[in-house]
Amino acid sequence: MKRKNWQILLVVCTAMLLGGCTLSNSLRPQPVDSVWRSDAAATRAVFFATDREPEGSSFGLHWGAALRCGRTDVSIPTIALPGQNPPVKMESCEDAASLAGFAQRIRDNARAMHCNSVLLVIHGYNDTFATSLLHAGQIALDTQWRCATLMFGWSSEGKFDRYAADIERSGYAVPDLIGLLRAMKKAGLTVNVIAHSMGARMALGAAGALCEEQTDVVNQMILAAADVSAERNNDDFGHLLKRAGRCVGRTTVYASDNDLALITSESVHGGVPRAGRVPLGNLQYGAGYGAVDVVDASLAPGAEAGHNYFIHSYEMLRDMMWVLAGTPAPQRAAADGPATLNCSDWEGSSCAGGGGRYVLAVAPDRQPDWRTRMLRRLWPLIFHVQVQ
């Protein structure tokens, strides 16, 4: 059978496996629920900073060319229906004085909870304001975060076919993210970051830019499914990691070789590997990159695309909880520890010596099923990825 016919057949098979679902978040958002499946609704206060354009009493899908901030309460479980963004009370954070005042309100909220930290959640590609806000609340709930929560909402269009546009707009938001991090540090807050996909490059870029000013920009930085180039001889991820590592307490990198979104991204980028899809390749980031833990999350359950596993898997949320508590990978894999990771010796690096290869601990009956595994095997054949 000719190659073109094979590709047509693969596309049809993939469409059947996807079940005809709409992949654009703005058109068909998924319900947001706790991974712990409690029947009781939970409410979380979430601060937000966004460069989206205001739309009524909330924010739409377009870039607004100005930073706006605020705070609202989100309830979990819920669903963000298309075109029904939650009403919020917003204010301008465009100048240094207003941004400083916003950071001080976050600090005051933290101190009212008898702590002095903020969890900054940076979303990725194909997300709306509403979904990002809800997921920030869900992450805080599921990691049992007991302090202030802040969502940085850059202007993703929330559409599957607008990847290139999202890349451009994520770049527009980096100066605002730098200003936000600077303001929170000046307010005396300890900043912890969870950044997903395209948000990972923003987090690394912003933290690295502030390293010239201070040495403790971020305490714990979690990078899940990082959509950042990790080419063998032109390693953007390594450069960003090394630059930011000087002012980050510890960086935890979660990567999965089953990530369909990153397979597609590799194809779009001419076959250049993405850091969030090469868990074994990421093991090179040792001395000289700061304190870095690499976790292979390929077995994490979640949606068929395997990209949002960090919000769909209680194994992931539990491990991130321990990361935010400051527990390094060797302790999370130890027999007398939380056992959220499994460790195996790897190319001269031993678990007994505090090294090795770390894999997310997932029970066999929780690992991706045959349907999901088949889809993930077909996808690279449709979106051809060049071997480096």
Protein backbone atom coordinates (compact mmCIF):
# COMPACT_ATOMS: atom_id res chain seq x y z
CA MET A 1 0.00 0.00 0.00
CA LYS A 2 1.33 3.44 -0.90
CA ARG A 3 2.56 5.75 1.86
CA LYS A 4 -0.27 8.24 1.25
CA ASN A 5 -2.88 5.49 1.65
CA TRP A 6 -1.22 4.33 4.85
CA GLN A 7 -1.38 7.87 6.23
CA ILE A 8 -5.08 8.16 5.36
CA LEU A 9 -5.76 4.85 7.11
CA LEU A 10 -3.82 5.98 10.18
CA VAL A 11 -5.71 9.27 10.33
CA VAL A 12 -9.02 7.39 10.20
CA CYS A 13 -7.92 4.96 12.93
CA THR A 14 -6.71 7.82 15.11
CA ALA A 15 -9.99 9.69 14.66
CA MET A 16 -11.85 6.58 15.78
CA LEU A 17 -9.64 6.25 18.85
CA LEU A 18 -10.14 9.89 19.75
CA GLY A 19 -13.89 9.30 19.59
CA GLY A 20 -14.58 12.41 17.54
CA CYS A 21 -13.74 14.74 20.42
CA THR A 22 -13.05 18.42 19.82
CA LEU A 23 -9.44 19.19 20.76
CA SER A 24 -9.82 22.96 21.24
CA ASN A 25 -10.25 23.93 24.87
CA SER A 26 -12.27 27.04 23.97
CA LEU A 27 -14.82 24.92 22.07
CA ARG A 28 -15.11 21.91 24.33
CA PRO A 29 -13.43 22.33 27.72
CA GLN A 30 -13.13 19.30 29.95
CA PRO A 31 -14.65 19.15 33.45
CA VAL A 32 -12.24 20.12 36.23
CA ASP A 33 -12.38 17.82 39.24
CA SER A 34 -10.16 16.70 42.08
CA VAL A 35 -8.12 13.56 41.40
CA TRP A 36 -9.13 12.39 44.87
CA ARG A 37 -12.80 12.24 43.75
CA SER A 38 -14.40 13.72 46.86
CA ASP A 39 -18.16 14.16 46.55
CA ALA A 40 -18.02 17.45 48.44
CA ALA A 41 -17.39 20.67 46.53
CA ALA A 42 -14.31 22.64 47.56
CA THR A 43 -13.69 26.37 47.17
CA ARG A 44 -10.27 27.92 46.70
CA ALA A 45 -9.20 31.55 46.53
CA VAL A 46 -7.01 32.11 43.47
CA PHE A 47 -5.18 35.32 42.59
CA PHE A 48 -4.59 35.94 38.90
CA ALA A 49 -2.42 38.09 36.66
CA THR A 50 -3.16 38.09 32.94
CA ASP A 51 -2.34 39.96 29.75
CA ARG A 52 -5.61 38.85 28.13
CA GLU A 53 -8.06 41.37 26.72
CA PRO A 54 -11.03 42.02 29.04
CA GLU A 55 -14.36 40.69 27.79
CA GLY A 56 -17.32 41.82 29.86
CA SER A 57 -16.61 41.02 33.50
CA SER A 58 -13.92 38.47 32.61
CA PHE A 59 -11.28 37.81 29.93
CA GLY A 60 -11.48 36.45 26.39
CA LEU A 61 -9.08 34.74 24.01
CA HIS A 62 -7.11 37.73 22.72
CA TRP A 63 -3.97 39.53 23.84
CA GLY A 64 -4.78 42.72 25.73
CA ALA A 65 -1.30 44.37 25.68
CA ALA A 66 -1.59 45.24 29.39
CA LEU A 67 -1.33 43.34 32.68
CA ARG A 68 -4.45 43.04 34.82
CA CYS A 69 -4.74 41.37 38.19
CA GLY A 70 -7.30 40.28 40.72
CA ARG A 71 -8.58 37.56 42.99
CA THR A 72 -11.58 35.26 42.81
CA ASP A 73 -12.94 32.08 44.37
CA VAL A 74 -13.16 28.90 42.31
CA SER A 75 -15.22 25.83 43.14
CA ILE A 76 -14.13 22.28 42.36
CA PRO A 77 -15.63 20.23 40.71
CA THR A 78 -16.98 22.35 37.87
CA ILE A 79 -16.74 22.91 34.13
CA ALA A 80 -15.86 26.05 32.19
CA LEU A 81 -18.50 26.20 29.48
CA PRO A 82 -17.52 27.79 26.15
CA GLY A 83 -18.00 31.55 26.26
CA GLN A 84 -18.91 31.53 29.96
CA ASN A 85 -15.77 32.76 31.68
CA PRO A 86 -16.23 33.33 35.42
CA PRO A 87 -16.92 36.96 36.37
CA VAL A 88 -13.99 38.47 38.25
CA LYS A 89 -13.07 41.78 39.80
CA MET A 90 -10.05 43.06 37.89
CA GLU A 91 -7.59 45.90 38.35
CA SER A 92 -4.65 47.30 36.40
CA CYS A 93 -1.19 46.06 37.33
CA GLU A 94 0.53 47.82 34.48
CA ASP A 95 2.85 50.09 36.51
CA ALA A 96 5.35 49.18 39.23
CA ALA A 97 3.30 50.74 42.06
CA SER A 98 0.07 48.87 41.27
CA LEU A 99 1.97 45.61 40.76
CA ALA A 100 3.71 46.09 44.10
CA GLY A 101 0.34 46.66 45.78
CA PHE A 102 -0.99 43.45 44.21
CA ALA A 103 2.03 41.48 45.46
CA GLN A 104 1.53 42.88 48.95
CA ARG A 105 -2.11 41.69 48.95
CA ILE A 106 -0.88 38.21 48.04
CA ARG A 107 1.61 38.43 50.92
CA ASP A 108 -1.11 39.54 53.32
CA ASN A 109 -3.31 36.63 52.20
CA ALA A 110 -0.42 34.22 52.81
CA ARG A 111 0.29 35.62 56.27
CA ALA A 112 -3.39 35.32 57.20
CA MET A 113 -2.91 31.57 56.59
CA HIS A 114 0.23 31.63 58.78
CA CYS A 115 2.67 31.14 55.90
CA ASN A 116 4.74 33.28 53.59
CA SER A 117 4.66 31.46 50.24
CA VAL A 118 2.82 31.62 46.94
CA LEU A 119 2.24 28.84 44.40
CA LEU A 120 2.49 30.34 40.91
CA VAL A 121 0.80 28.19 38.22
CA ILE A 122 1.65 28.94 34.57
CA HIS A 123 -0.52 27.18 32.00
CA GLY A 124 0.44 25.93 28.55
CA TYR A 125 -0.87 25.94 25.00
CA ASN A 126 -4.59 25.60 24.16
CA ASP A 127 -5.99 26.95 27.43
CA THR A 128 -8.64 29.56 28.21
CA PHE A 129 -8.69 31.96 31.15
CA ALA A 130 -11.48 30.01 32.86
CA THR A 131 -9.83 26.60 32.50
CA SER A 132 -6.46 27.92 33.66
CA LEU A 133 -8.04 29.53 36.71
CA LEU A 134 -9.90 26.33 37.61
CA HIS A 135 -6.86 24.13 37.15
CA ALA A 136 -4.80 26.41 39.40
CA GLY A 137 -7.43 25.92 42.10
CA GLN A 138 -7.50 22.17 41.49
CA ILE A 139 -3.70 21.87 41.72
CA ALA A 140 -3.67 23.81 44.99
CA LEU A 141 -6.43 21.54 46.31
CA ASP A 142 -4.90 18.25 45.16
CA THR A 143 -1.35 19.04 46.32
CA GLN A 144 -2.78 20.15 49.68
CA TRP A 145 -1.14 23.54 49.22
CA ARG A 146 -1.83 25.59 52.34
CA CYS A 147 -0.75 29.04 51.26
CA ALA A 148 -1.53 31.64 48.58
CA THR A 149 -2.20 30.56 44.96
CA LEU A 150 -1.60 32.68 41.86
CA MET A 151 -2.41 31.86 38.22
CA PHE A 152 -0.43 33.63 35.49
CA GLY A 153 -2.75 33.68 32.48
CA TRP A 154 -0.99 34.58 29.25
CA SER A 155 -3.18 34.96 26.16
CA SER A 156 -3.41 31.45 24.70
CA GLU A 157 -6.27 31.33 22.19
CA GLY A 158 -7.48 27.98 23.53
CA LYS A 159 -7.57 26.44 20.05
CA PHE A 160 -5.84 23.28 18.87
CA ASP A 161 -4.99 24.74 15.45
CA ARG A 162 -3.54 27.99 16.83
CA TYR A 163 -0.27 26.61 18.13
CA ALA A 164 1.92 29.09 16.25
CA ALA A 165 -0.18 32.00 17.51
CA ASP A 166 0.20 30.72 21.08
CA ILE A 167 3.99 30.58 20.68
CA GLU A 168 4.01 34.23 19.67
CA ARG A 169 1.74 35.39 22.50
CA SER A 170 3.61 33.41 25.14
CA GLY A 171 6.64 35.50 24.21
CA TYR A 172 4.70 38.74 24.70
CA ALA A 173 3.94 37.70 28.30
CA VAL A 174 7.49 37.04 29.52
CA PRO A 175 8.27 40.69 30.49
CA ASP A 176 5.08 40.76 32.58
CA LEU A 177 6.07 37.49 34.25
CA ILE A 178 9.49 38.93 35.08
CA GLY A 179 7.84 41.97 36.66
CA LEU A 180 5.45 39.77 38.62
CA LEU A 181 8.26 37.60 40.02
CA ARG A 182 10.27 40.70 40.94
CA ALA A 183 7.29 42.26 42.75
CA MET A 184 6.57 39.10 44.74
CA LYS A 185 10.18 38.78 45.86
CA LYS A 186 10.23 42.44 46.92
CA ALA A 187 7.08 41.77 48.94
CA GLY A 188 9.02 39.09 50.81
CA LEU A 189 7.19 36.07 49.41
CA THR A 190 8.76 32.67 48.80
CA VAL A 191 7.76 31.74 45.25
CA ASN A 192 7.11 28.17 44.07
CA VAL A 193 6.29 27.53 40.40
CA ILE A 194 4.37 24.85 38.50
CA ALA A 195 4.70 25.47 34.75
CA HIS A 196 3.17 23.29 32.04
CA SER A 197 4.13 22.84 28.39
CA MET A 198 4.74 26.21 26.73
CA GLY A 199 4.62 27.78 30.20
CA ALA A 200 7.89 26.01 31.08
CA ARG A 201 9.93 28.07 28.63
CA MET A 202 8.34 31.23 30.07
CA ALA A 203 9.14 30.21 33.65
CA LEU A 204 12.76 29.37 32.86
CA GLY A 205 13.25 32.51 30.79
CA ALA A 206 11.78 34.82 33.43
CA ALA A 207 13.67 33.23 36.35
CA GLY A 208 16.93 33.32 34.42
CA ALA A 209 16.47 36.99 33.57
CA LEU A 210 16.16 37.84 37.26
CA CYS A 211 19.30 35.94 38.25
CA GLU A 212 21.35 39.07 37.64
CA GLU A 213 19.38 40.85 40.38
CA GLN A 214 19.00 38.18 43.07
CA THR A 215 19.92 34.59 43.86
CA ASP A 216 16.67 33.19 45.22
CA VAL A 217 14.01 33.95 42.62
CA VAL A 218 12.16 30.61 42.90
CA ASN A 219 12.21 28.00 45.65
CA GLN A 220 10.73 24.91 43.95
CA MET A 221 10.24 24.98 40.18
CA ILE A 222 8.18 22.16 38.65
CA LEU A 223 8.28 21.80 34.85
CA ALA A 224 5.69 19.37 33.47
CA ALA A 225 5.72 18.35 29.79
CA ALA A 226 8.07 21.20 28.89
CA ASP A 227 7.60 22.28 25.27
CA VAL A 228 11.18 23.48 24.90
CA SER A 229 13.78 22.45 22.32
CA ALA A 230 16.27 19.88 23.63
CA GLU A 231 18.40 19.26 20.53
CA ARG A 232 21.65 17.38 21.01
CA ASN A 233 23.95 20.08 19.65
CA ASN A 234 21.69 23.10 20.16
CA ASP A 235 20.12 22.52 23.55
CA ASP A 236 17.81 25.45 24.35
CA PHE A 237 16.41 23.67 27.40
CA GLY A 238 19.87 23.04 28.81
CA HIS A 239 20.87 26.68 28.32
CA LEU A 240 17.68 27.96 29.98
CA LEU A 241 18.03 25.45 32.81
CA LYS A 242 21.64 26.38 33.49
CA ARG A 243 20.88 30.12 33.42
CA ALA A 244 17.92 29.81 35.81
CA GLY A 245 19.54 27.14 38.00
CA ARG A 246 21.66 29.74 39.77
CA CYS A 247 18.58 31.31 41.36
CA VAL A 248 16.24 28.30 41.75
CA GLY A 249 16.32 26.15 44.87
CA ARG A 250 15.41 22.96 43.00
CA THR A 251 14.00 22.19 39.55
CA THR A 252 11.89 19.07 39.02
CA VAL A 253 11.43 18.01 35.39
CA TYR A 254 8.58 15.63 34.50
CA ALA A 255 8.80 14.09 31.03
CA SER A 256 6.83 11.43 29.15
CA ASP A 257 7.75 9.72 25.88
CA ASN A 258 4.00 9.12 25.33
CA ASP A 259 3.09 12.80 24.93
CA LEU A 260 1.15 13.24 21.66
CA ALA A 261 1.09 17.03 21.87
CA LEU A 262 4.89 17.12 22.11
CA ILE A 263 5.24 14.59 19.29
CA THR A 264 3.21 17.02 17.18
CA SER A 265 5.34 19.92 18.42
CA GLU A 266 8.50 18.05 17.37
CA SER A 267 7.07 17.70 13.89
CA VAL A 268 6.17 21.41 13.76
CA HIS A 269 9.72 22.27 14.89
CA GLY A 270 11.38 20.18 12.17
CA GLY A 271 12.01 17.11 14.29
CA VAL A 272 13.72 18.88 17.20
CA PRO A 273 13.08 16.89 20.44
CA ARG A 274 11.09 18.53 23.23
CA ALA A 275 12.44 18.37 26.78
CA GLY A 276 9.08 17.11 28.07
CA ARG A 277 9.30 14.00 25.89
CA VAL A 278 12.86 12.78 26.51
CA PRO A 279 13.07 11.58 30.14
CA LEU A 280 16.28 9.61 29.51
CA GLY A 281 17.88 12.50 27.63
CA ASN A 282 17.14 14.83 30.54
CA LEU A 283 19.35 12.76 32.84
CA GLN A 284 22.32 14.69 31.45
CA TYR A 285 21.35 17.77 33.46
CA GLY A 286 23.49 17.23 36.52
CA ALA A 287 26.42 19.28 37.75
CA GLY A 288 26.36 22.85 36.51
CA TYR A 289 22.59 23.04 36.07
CA GLY A 290 21.67 23.64 39.72
CA ALA A 291 19.71 21.11 41.77
CA VAL A 292 17.70 19.16 39.18
CA ASP A 293 15.49 16.09 39.61
CA VAL A 294 14.24 14.29 36.49
CA VAL A 295 11.14 12.09 36.71
CA ASP A 296 9.94 9.76 33.94
CA ALA A 297 6.15 10.20 33.95
CA SER A 298 5.45 8.03 30.88
CA LEU A 299 3.23 5.67 32.90
CA ALA A 300 1.02 8.43 34.31
CA PRO A 301 -2.69 7.94 33.55
CA GLY A 302 -4.67 10.76 32.00
CA ALA A 303 -6.25 11.91 28.75
CA GLU A 304 -5.48 10.08 25.50
CA ALA A 305 -3.09 12.78 24.31
CA GLY A 306 -0.85 12.19 27.34
CA HIS A 307 -0.04 15.89 27.73
CA ASN A 308 -2.11 16.96 30.74
CA TYR A 309 -1.18 14.01 32.94
CA PHE A 310 -0.02 16.35 35.69
CA ILE A 311 -3.65 17.32 36.49
CA HIS A 312 -5.35 13.98 35.78
CA SER A 313 -3.15 11.62 37.80
CA TYR A 314 -3.28 11.41 41.58
CA GLU A 315 0.17 9.80 41.39
CA MET A 316 1.47 13.02 39.83
CA LEU A 317 -0.32 15.35 42.23
CA ARG A 318 0.90 13.35 45.21
CA ASP A 319 4.50 13.46 44.01
CA MET A 320 4.24 17.21 43.33
CA MET A 321 2.90 17.68 46.84
CA TRP A 322 6.14 16.23 48.21
CA VAL A 323 8.20 18.33 45.79
CA LEU A 324 6.53 21.49 47.06
CA ALA A 325 7.31 20.34 50.60
CA GLY A 326 11.01 20.34 49.63
CA THR A 327 11.53 16.56 49.44
CA PRO A 328 14.19 15.59 46.84
CA ALA A 329 13.74 12.59 44.53
CA PRO A 330 15.95 10.13 46.48
CA GLN A 331 13.78 10.60 49.57
CA ARG A 332 10.55 10.27 47.56
CA ALA A 333 11.80 6.91 46.26
CA ALA A 334 13.22 5.63 49.56
CA ALA A 335 11.66 2.61 51.28
CA ASP A 336 10.92 4.71 54.36
CA GLY A 337 9.68 7.68 52.29
CA PRO A 338 6.38 8.46 50.55
CA ALA A 339 7.22 5.97 47.72
CA THR A 340 5.83 8.22 44.99
CA LEU A 341 8.80 7.27 42.79
CA ASN A 342 10.66 4.12 41.82
CA CYS A 343 14.42 4.26 41.36
CA SER A 344 16.76 2.11 39.26
CA ASP A 345 20.52 2.37 38.78
CA TRP A 346 21.42 4.03 35.50
CA GLU A 347 24.76 4.18 33.66
CA GLY A 348 27.02 4.44 36.67
CA SER A 349 24.57 6.49 38.72
CA SER A 350 23.24 4.45 41.64
CA CYS A 351 20.13 4.85 43.74
CA ALA A 352 22.18 4.00 46.84
CA GLY A 353 24.42 6.96 46.08
CA GLY A 354 21.50 9.35 45.74
CA GLY A 355 21.37 9.15 41.94
CA GLY A 356 19.78 6.71 39.51
CA ARG A 357 16.77 6.99 37.23
CA TYR A 358 13.42 7.99 38.78
CA VAL A 359 10.08 6.80 37.43
CA LEU A 360 6.66 7.84 38.69
CA ALA A 361 5.21 4.99 40.76
CA VAL A 362 1.98 3.86 39.05
CA ALA A 363 0.17 0.58 39.78
CA PRO A 364 -0.21 -1.72 36.72
CA ASP A 365 -3.99 -1.35 36.64
CA ARG A 366 -3.62 2.44 36.53
CA GLN A 367 -1.18 2.59 33.62
CA PRO A 368 -2.36 3.58 30.08
CA ASP A 369 -4.67 0.93 28.55
CA TRP A 370 -4.31 -0.75 25.15
CA ARG A 371 -6.43 1.89 23.40
CA THR A 372 -4.26 4.70 24.67
CA ARG A 373 -1.03 2.81 23.95
CA MET A 374 -2.18 2.10 20.38
CA LEU A 375 -3.04 5.74 19.78
CA ARG A 376 0.37 6.83 21.05
CA ARG A 377 2.10 4.37 18.74
CA LEU A 378 0.13 5.51 15.70
CA TRP A 379 0.65 9.22 16.28
CA PRO A 380 4.38 9.41 15.39
CA LEU A 381 3.60 7.66 12.09
CA ILE A 382 1.11 10.41 11.21
CA PHE A 383 3.24 13.28 12.50
CA HIS A 384 6.64 12.07 11.37
CA VAL A 385 9.38 12.91 13.86
CA GLN A 386 12.92 13.16 12.55
CA VAL A 387 15.42 10.99 14.45
CA GLN A 388 18.32 13.04 15.77
